[in-house]
Amino acid sequence: MYSTITPTAFTFFRSFHGDSRGLAAKKWLSILSELSMEYTTAKINGDMR
């Protein structure tokens, strides 16, 4: 799963490097981190059930 996401993330990040839309990249990164935290929380809650 991560092996397919990582190259895409690098390509995405590189496309925003030195770009005026760098803020959009930061917003996407924050969204991705939020999603991963939600996924982790859901997984932990699922394991505890």
PDB file of N, CA and C in Angstrom:
ATOM      1  N   MET A   1       0.835  -1.192   0.000  1.00  0.00           N
ATOM      2  CA  MET A   1       0.000   0.000   0.000  1.00  0.00           C
ATOM      3  C   MET A   1       0.879   1.255   0.000  1.00  0.00           C
ATOM      4  N   TYR A   2       1.819   1.317   0.955  1.00  0.00           N
ATOM      5  CA  TYR A   2       2.667   2.496   1.035  1.00  0.00           C
ATOM      6  C   TYR A   2       3.612   2.591  -0.166  1.00  0.00           C
ATOM      7  N   SER A   3       3.998   1.433  -0.726  1.00  0.00           N
ATOM      8  CA  SER A   3       4.928   1.450  -1.856  1.00  0.00           C
ATOM      9  C   SER A   3       4.295   2.128  -3.079  1.00  0.00           C
ATOM     10  N   THR A   4       2.968   2.071  -3.180  1.00  0.00           N
ATOM     11  CA  THR A   4       2.306   2.729  -4.308  1.00  0.00           C
ATOM     12  C   THR A   4       2.017   4.187  -3.998  1.00  0.00           C
ATOM     13  N   ILE A   5       1.822   4.504  -2.723  1.00  0.00           N
ATOM     14  CA  ILE A   5       1.496   5.880  -2.337  1.00  0.00           C
ATOM     15  C   ILE A   5       2.745   6.766  -2.356  1.00  0.00           C
ATOM     16  N   THR A   6       3.874   6.237  -1.880  1.00  0.00           N
ATOM     17  CA  THR A   6       5.076   7.046  -1.731  1.00  0.00           C
ATOM     18  C   THR A   6       5.548   7.698  -3.032  1.00  0.00           C
ATOM     19  N   PRO A   7       5.724   6.939  -4.142  1.00  0.00           N
ATOM     20  CA  PRO A   7       6.171   7.593  -5.386  1.00  0.00           C
ATOM     21  C   PRO A   7       5.209   8.685  -5.835  1.00  0.00           C
ATOM     22  N   THR A   8       3.909   8.428  -5.670  1.00  0.00           N
ATOM     23  CA  THR A   8       2.908   9.425  -6.046  1.00  0.00           C
ATOM     24  C   THR A   8       3.074  10.676  -5.201  1.00  0.00           C
ATOM     25  N   ALA A   9       3.317  10.478  -3.904  1.00  0.00           N
ATOM     26  CA  ALA A   9       3.495  11.619  -3.006  1.00  0.00           C
ATOM     27  C   ALA A   9       4.726  12.418  -3.401  1.00  0.00           C
ATOM     28  N   PHE A  10       5.808  11.720  -3.751  1.00  0.00           N
ATOM     29  CA  PHE A  10       7.027  12.412  -4.167  1.00  0.00           C
ATOM     30  C   PHE A  10       6.784  13.200  -5.446  1.00  0.00           C
ATOM     31  N   THR A  11       6.090  12.587  -6.406  1.00  0.00           N
ATOM     32  CA  THR A  11       5.790  13.268  -7.665  1.00  0.00           C
ATOM     33  C   THR A  11       4.925  14.487  -7.404  1.00  0.00           C
ATOM     34  N   PHE A  12       3.914  14.312  -6.533  1.00  0.00           N
ATOM     35  CA  PHE A  12       3.016  15.409  -6.191  1.00  0.00           C
ATOM     36  C   PHE A  12       3.792  16.541  -5.530  1.00  0.00           C
ATOM     37  N   PHE A  13       4.647  16.178  -4.584  1.00  0.00           N
ATOM     38  CA  PHE A  13       5.420  17.185  -3.852  1.00  0.00           C
ATOM     39  C   PHE A  13       6.368  17.915  -4.789  1.00  0.00           C
ATOM     40  N   ARG A  14       7.001  17.174  -5.703  1.00  0.00           N
ATOM     41  CA  ARG A  14       7.945  17.760  -6.634  1.00  0.00           C
ATOM     42  C   ARG A  14       7.241  18.739  -7.570  1.00  0.00           C
ATOM     43  N   SER A  15       6.011  18.416  -7.943  1.00  0.00           N
ATOM     44  CA  SER A  15       5.265  19.280  -8.850  1.00  0.00           C
ATOM     45  C   SER A  15       4.935  20.613  -8.191  1.00  0.00           C
ATOM     46  N   PHE A  16       4.878  20.640  -6.860  1.00  0.00           N
ATOM     47  CA  PHE A  16       4.568  21.878  -6.141  1.00  0.00           C
ATOM     48  C   PHE A  16       5.834  22.592  -5.665  1.00  0.00           C
ATOM     49  N   HIS A  17       7.000  21.967  -5.845  1.00  0.00           N
ATOM     50  CA  HIS A  17       8.248  22.537  -5.350  1.00  0.00           C
ATOM     51  C   HIS A  17       8.555  23.844  -6.085  1.00  0.00           C
ATOM     52  N   GLY A  18       8.759  24.900  -5.311  1.00  0.00           N
ATOM     53  CA  GLY A  18       9.058  26.194  -5.893  1.00  0.00           C
ATOM     54  C   GLY A  18       7.882  26.758  -6.670  1.00  0.00           C
ATOM     55  N   ASP A  19       6.690  26.292  -6.339  1.00  0.00           N
ATOM     56  CA  ASP A  19       5.499  26.737  -7.044  1.00  0.00           C
ATOM     57  C   ASP A  19       4.716  27.708  -6.171  1.00  0.00           C
ATOM     58  N   SER A  20       3.941  28.571  -6.806  1.00  0.00           N
ATOM     59  CA  SER A  20       3.124  29.526  -6.048  1.00  0.00           C
ATOM     60  C   SER A  20       1.995  28.801  -5.324  1.00  0.00           C
ATOM     61  N   ARG A  21       1.721  27.571  -5.766  1.00  0.00           N
ATOM     62  CA  ARG A  21       0.653  26.796  -5.138  1.00  0.00           C
ATOM     63  C   ARG A  21       1.179  25.920  -4.010  1.00  0.00           C
ATOM     64  N   GLY A  22       2.306  26.300  -3.455  1.00  0.00           N
ATOM     65  CA  GLY A  22       2.887  25.534  -2.360  1.00  0.00           C
ATOM     66  C   GLY A  22       1.925  25.405  -1.185  1.00  0.00           C
ATOM     67  N   LEU A  23       1.076  26.421  -1.023  1.00  0.00           N
ATOM     68  CA  LEU A  23       0.089  26.376   0.059  1.00  0.00           C
ATOM     69  C   LEU A  23      -0.873  25.212  -0.153  1.00  0.00           C
ATOM     70  N   ALA A  24      -1.222  24.947  -1.400  1.00  0.00           N
ATOM     71  CA  ALA A  24      -2.117  23.832  -1.697  1.00  0.00           C
ATOM     72  C   ALA A  24      -1.462  22.515  -1.301  1.00  0.00           C
ATOM     73  N   ALA A  25      -0.159  22.409  -1.556  1.00  0.00           N
ATOM     74  CA  ALA A  25       0.566  21.193  -1.179  1.00  0.00           C
ATOM     75  C   ALA A  25       0.543  21.011   0.333  1.00  0.00           C
ATOM     76  N   LYS A  26       0.754  22.107   1.069  1.00  0.00           N
ATOM     77  CA  LYS A  26       0.736  22.024   2.533  1.00  0.00           C
ATOM     78  C   LYS A  26      -0.652  21.609   3.020  1.00  0.00           C
ATOM     79  N   LYS A  27      -1.685  22.143   2.350  1.00  0.00           N
ATOM     80  CA  LYS A  27      -3.049  21.788   2.730  1.00  0.00           C
ATOM     81  C   LYS A  27      -3.282  20.299   2.488  1.00  0.00           C
ATOM     82  N   TRP A  28      -2.802  19.796   1.335  1.00  0.00           N
ATOM     83  CA  TRP A  28      -2.948  18.375   1.026  1.00  0.00           C
ATOM     84  C   TRP A  28      -2.210  17.525   2.052  1.00  0.00           C
ATOM     85  N   LEU A  29      -1.005  17.959   2.431  1.00  0.00           N
ATOM     86  CA  LEU A  29      -0.232  17.193   3.416  1.00  0.00           C
ATOM     87  C   LEU A  29      -0.958  17.122   4.745  1.00  0.00           C
ATOM     88  N   SER A  30      -1.573  18.245   5.148  1.00  0.00           N
ATOM     89  CA  SER A  30      -2.306  18.250   6.420  1.00  0.00           C
ATOM     90  C   SER A  30      -3.519  17.344   6.330  1.00  0.00           C
ATOM     91  N   ILE A  31      -4.179  17.337   5.152  1.00  0.00           N
ATOM     92  CA  ILE A  31      -5.344  16.460   4.962  1.00  0.00           C
ATOM     93  C   ILE A  31      -4.907  15.000   5.032  1.00  0.00           C
ATOM     94  N   LEU A  32      -3.777  14.695   4.373  1.00  0.00           N
ATOM     95  CA  LEU A  32      -3.281  13.319   4.381  1.00  0.00           C
ATOM     96  C   LEU A  32      -2.925  12.868   5.787  1.00  0.00           C
ATOM     97  N   SER A  33      -2.285  13.752   6.562  1.00  0.00           N
ATOM     98  CA  SER A  33      -1.909  13.388   7.928  1.00  0.00           C
ATOM     99  C   SER A  33      -3.152  13.188   8.791  1.00  0.00           C
ATOM    100  N   GLU A  34      -4.183  14.019   8.556  1.00  0.00           N
ATOM    101  CA  GLU A  34      -5.431  13.854   9.303  1.00  0.00           C
ATOM    102  C   GLU A  34      -6.065  12.503   8.978  1.00  0.00           C
ATOM    103  N   LEU A  35      -6.075  12.152   7.684  1.00  0.00           N
ATOM    104  CA  LEU A  35      -6.671  10.883   7.273  1.00  0.00           C
ATOM    105  C   LEU A  35      -5.919   9.708   7.877  1.00  0.00           C
ATOM    106  N   SER A  36      -4.582   9.777   7.876  1.00  0.00           N
ATOM    107  CA  SER A  36      -3.803   8.679   8.444  1.00  0.00           C
ATOM    108  C   SER A  36      -4.042   8.564   9.944  1.00  0.00           C
ATOM    109  N   MET A  37      -4.219   9.708  10.616  1.00  0.00           N
ATOM    110  CA  MET A  37      -4.496   9.663  12.057  1.00  0.00           C
ATOM    111  C   MET A  37      -5.878   9.062  12.304  1.00  0.00           C
ATOM    112  N   GLU A  38      -6.851   9.428  11.476  1.00  0.00           N
ATOM    113  CA  GLU A  38      -8.197   8.870  11.616  1.00  0.00           C
ATOM    114  C   GLU A  38      -8.161   7.368  11.386  1.00  0.00           C
ATOM    115  N   TYR A  39      -7.403   6.939  10.364  1.00  0.00           N
ATOM    116  CA  TYR A  39      -7.296   5.517  10.057  1.00  0.00           C
ATOM    117  C   TYR A  39      -6.665   4.767  11.222  1.00  0.00           C
ATOM    118  N   THR A  40      -5.588   5.338  11.779  1.00  0.00           N
ATOM    119  CA  THR A  40      -4.915   4.704  12.915  1.00  0.00           C
ATOM    120  C   THR A  40      -5.855   4.591  14.102  1.00  0.00           C
ATOM    121  N   THR A  41      -6.583   5.667  14.387  1.00  0.00           N
ATOM    122  CA  THR A  41      -7.529   5.665  15.511  1.00  0.00           C
ATOM    123  C   THR A  41      -8.610   4.609  15.295  1.00  0.00           C
ATOM    124  N   ALA A  42      -9.144   4.555  14.080  1.00  0.00           N
ATOM    125  CA  ALA A  42     -10.192   3.573  13.782  1.00  0.00           C
ATOM    126  C   ALA A  42      -9.644   2.160  13.930  1.00  0.00           C
ATOM    127  N   LYS A  43      -8.394   1.945  13.501  1.00  0.00           N
ATOM    128  CA  LYS A  43      -7.785   0.621  13.597  1.00  0.00           C
ATOM    129  C   LYS A  43      -7.609   0.237  15.062  1.00  0.00           C
ATOM    130  N   ILE A  44      -7.148   1.192  15.881  1.00  0.00           N
ATOM    131  CA  ILE A  44      -6.954   0.917  17.312  1.00  0.00           C
ATOM    132  C   ILE A  44      -8.295   0.606  17.967  1.00  0.00           C
ATOM    133  N   ASN A  45      -9.316   1.414  17.658  1.00  0.00           N
ATOM    134  CA  ASN A  45     -10.643   1.186  18.226  1.00  0.00           C
ATOM    135  C   ASN A  45     -11.195  -0.157  17.787  1.00  0.00           C
ATOM    136  N   GLY A  46     -10.935  -0.520  16.518  1.00  0.00           N
ATOM    137  CA  GLY A  46     -11.408  -1.800  16.008  1.00  0.00           C
ATOM    138  C   GLY A  46     -10.728  -2.960  16.710  1.00  0.00           C
ATOM    139  N   ASP A  47      -9.420  -2.807  17.011  1.00  0.00           N
ATOM    140  CA  ASP A  47      -8.677  -3.866  17.684  1.00  0.00           C
ATOM    141  C   ASP A  47      -9.119  -4.019  19.126  1.00  0.00           C
ATOM    142  N   MET A  48      -9.542  -2.928  19.744  1.00  0.00           N
ATOM    143  CA  MET A  48      -9.930  -2.987  21.151  1.00  0.00           C
ATOM    144  C   MET A  48     -11.322  -3.583  21.332  1.00  0.00           C
ATOM    145  N   ARG A  49     -12.127  -3.548  20.270  1.00  0.00           N
ATOM    146  CA  ARG A  49     -13.479  -4.078  20.378  1.00  0.00           C
ATOM    147  C   ARG A  49     -13.478  -5.584  20.541  1.00  0.00           C
TER     148      ARG A  49
END
